[in-house]
Protein backbone atom coordinates (compact mmCIF):
# COMPACT_ATOMS: atom_id res chain seq x y z
CA MET A 1 36.59 135.67 79.02
CA ASP A 2 33.00 134.55 79.02
CA ASN A 3 31.54 132.63 76.11
CA ARG A 4 28.70 130.26 75.32
CA ILE A 5 30.79 127.15 74.83
CA ASN A 6 34.30 126.23 75.91
CA TYR A 7 35.21 125.59 72.29
CA PHE A 8 38.84 124.84 73.13
CA LYS A 9 37.56 121.88 75.16
CA VAL A 10 34.75 120.81 72.82
CA ALA A 11 36.75 120.96 69.57
CA PRO A 12 40.42 120.89 70.57
CA LYS A 13 41.73 119.72 67.18
CA ALA A 14 40.00 122.59 65.36
CA LEU A 15 41.42 125.13 67.78
CA GLU A 16 44.84 123.48 67.69
CA ASN A 17 44.84 123.99 63.91
CA MET A 18 43.80 127.62 64.30
CA LEU A 19 46.58 128.18 66.82
CA GLU A 20 49.11 126.61 64.42
CA MET A 21 48.00 129.09 61.75
CA GLU A 22 48.35 131.87 64.31
CA LYS A 23 51.94 130.75 64.96
CA TYR A 24 52.58 130.89 61.23
CA THR A 25 51.28 134.47 60.98
CA LYS A 26 53.66 135.55 63.74
CA LYS A 27 56.65 134.17 61.83
CA THR A 28 55.99 136.01 58.57
CA GLY A 29 58.14 138.90 57.43
CA ILE A 30 55.21 141.29 57.73
CA ASP A 31 55.86 144.12 60.20
CA LYS A 32 54.53 143.08 63.64
CA LEU A 33 52.87 146.45 64.31
CA LEU A 34 51.18 146.33 60.90
CA ILE A 35 49.87 142.85 61.70
CA GLU A 36 48.26 144.20 64.87
CA LEU A 37 46.81 147.19 63.02
CA ILE A 38 45.34 144.84 60.41
CA LYS A 39 43.86 142.65 63.15
CA LEU A 40 42.43 145.70 64.89
CA ARG A 41 40.97 147.17 61.69
CA VAL A 42 39.37 143.87 60.64
CA SER A 43 37.95 143.46 64.15
CA GLN A 44 36.48 146.98 63.93
CA ILE A 45 34.82 146.13 60.61
CA ASN A 46 33.42 142.89 62.01
CA GLY A 47 32.30 144.51 65.26
CA CYS A 48 34.17 142.07 67.48
CA SER A 49 34.55 143.95 70.76
CA TYR A 50 36.53 141.11 72.32
CA CYS A 51 39.12 141.22 69.51
CA ILE A 52 39.11 145.03 69.33
CA ASN A 53 40.06 145.10 73.01
CA MET A 54 42.75 142.46 72.57
CA HIS A 55 44.35 143.96 69.46
CA THR A 56 44.25 147.52 70.75
CA LYS A 57 46.34 146.35 73.69
CA ALA A 58 48.62 144.32 71.41
CA ALA A 59 49.10 147.29 69.05
CA ARG A 60 50.06 149.49 71.98
CA LYS A 61 52.60 146.87 73.07
CA ARG A 62 54.03 147.09 69.55
CA LYS A 63 54.37 150.86 70.05
CA ALA A 64 51.31 152.01 68.08
CA THR A 65 50.65 155.64 68.86
CA ASP A 66 47.34 156.86 70.25
CA GLU A 67 46.95 158.74 66.96
CA GLN A 68 47.39 155.56 64.89
CA ILE A 69 44.77 153.74 66.92
CA ALA A 70 42.37 156.71 66.86
CA GLN A 71 42.81 157.24 63.10
CA LEU A 72 42.69 153.57 62.08
CA GLN A 73 39.06 153.67 60.99
CA THR A 74 39.88 156.59 58.70
CA TRP A 75 43.34 155.41 57.62
CA GLY A 76 42.76 156.53 54.03
CA GLU A 77 42.17 160.14 55.04
CA THR A 78 45.33 160.63 57.08
CA ASP A 79 49.05 160.84 56.44
CA ILE A 80 50.10 158.99 59.60
CA PHE A 81 50.20 155.67 57.76
CA SER A 82 52.76 154.91 55.07
CA PRO A 83 51.68 153.96 51.54
CA GLN A 84 52.72 150.37 52.33
CA GLU A 85 50.56 150.33 55.48
CA LYS A 86 47.64 151.95 53.67
CA VAL A 87 47.55 149.40 50.87
CA ALA A 88 47.70 146.55 53.41
CA LEU A 89 44.79 148.09 55.33
CA GLU A 90 42.87 148.54 52.10
CA LEU A 91 43.48 144.89 51.22
CA ALA A 92 42.28 143.91 54.71
CA GLU A 93 39.04 145.82 54.19
CA HIS A 94 38.47 144.33 50.74
CA VAL A 95 39.09 140.76 51.91
CA THR A 96 36.94 141.22 55.01
CA LEU A 97 34.10 142.67 52.90
CA ILE A 98 34.85 140.46 49.90
CA SER A 99 31.24 140.01 48.78
CA GLU A 100 30.94 143.80 48.46
CA LYS A 101 34.45 145.02 47.63
CA ARG A 102 36.28 142.09 45.97
CA VAL A 103 40.03 142.16 45.33
CA ASP A 104 40.33 143.33 41.75
CA ASP A 105 43.46 143.35 39.61
CA GLU A 106 44.07 147.05 40.26
CA LEU A 107 44.21 146.57 44.04
CA TYR A 108 46.30 143.42 43.63
CA GLN A 109 48.82 145.35 41.52
CA ARG A 110 49.00 148.19 44.04
CA VAL A 111 49.62 145.71 46.85
CA ARG A 112 52.33 144.01 44.78
CA GLU A 113 54.13 147.36 44.39
CA HIS A 114 54.95 147.06 48.09
CA TYR A 115 54.84 143.32 48.79
CA ASP A 116 56.30 140.32 46.96
CA GLU A 117 54.31 137.13 46.22
CA LYS A 118 55.10 135.50 49.57
CA GLU A 119 54.23 138.66 51.48
CA TYR A 120 50.95 138.94 49.55
CA VAL A 121 50.02 135.39 50.51
CA ASP A 122 51.05 136.09 54.11
CA LEU A 123 48.86 139.21 54.21
CA ILE A 124 45.90 137.20 52.92
CA VAL A 125 46.49 134.50 55.54
CA ILE A 126 46.79 137.11 58.32
CA ILE A 127 43.57 138.81 57.19
CA ASN A 128 41.68 135.54 56.92
CA GLN A 129 43.00 134.33 60.26
CA ILE A 130 41.67 137.36 62.14
CA ASN A 131 38.38 137.12 60.27
CA MET A 132 38.09 133.52 61.47
CA TRP A 133 38.90 134.51 65.06
CA ASN A 134 36.36 137.37 64.89
CA ARG A 135 33.63 135.10 63.60
CA LEU A 136 34.40 132.48 66.23
CA ALA A 137 34.42 135.03 69.06
CA ILE A 138 31.21 136.72 67.92
CA SER A 139 29.27 133.50 67.31
CA MET A 140 30.43 132.06 70.65
CA GLY A 141 29.39 135.21 72.49
CA ASN A 142 32.85 136.09 73.79
CA THR A 143 32.78 139.16 76.00
CA VAL A 144 35.48 141.26 77.59
CA LYS A 145 35.78 141.15 81.34
CA ASP A 146 38.04 143.50 83.26
């Protein structure tokens, strides 16, 4: 990975805290494949090529199909995602684009039809965590190297 600053070295405490949050997200009860699909979708929205590359590979390791990855940008127009997955992806888009889309009571209620209070909080943390990683990677100029 190339980037402008070795931010792990320059601000180790900040990155240590981010990595602790990352550990938390991996221990939630949220489906591991869904977590990777959320991370990939948010990274697509934010245009983070570094994270898109990483989470495409991670989703494949979690057994995402080529069709799921190809259809992720148009998840709402396909039947390959379950209603539970779709509402989580919708929440991810709304949180990522919060100044435009908000998270209104109607969306909150639809999410709660599939997820309990703890799962809702965990989804929000997962979504915010990948948004933070995307913004860090983009602003630090992270690039993918083969």
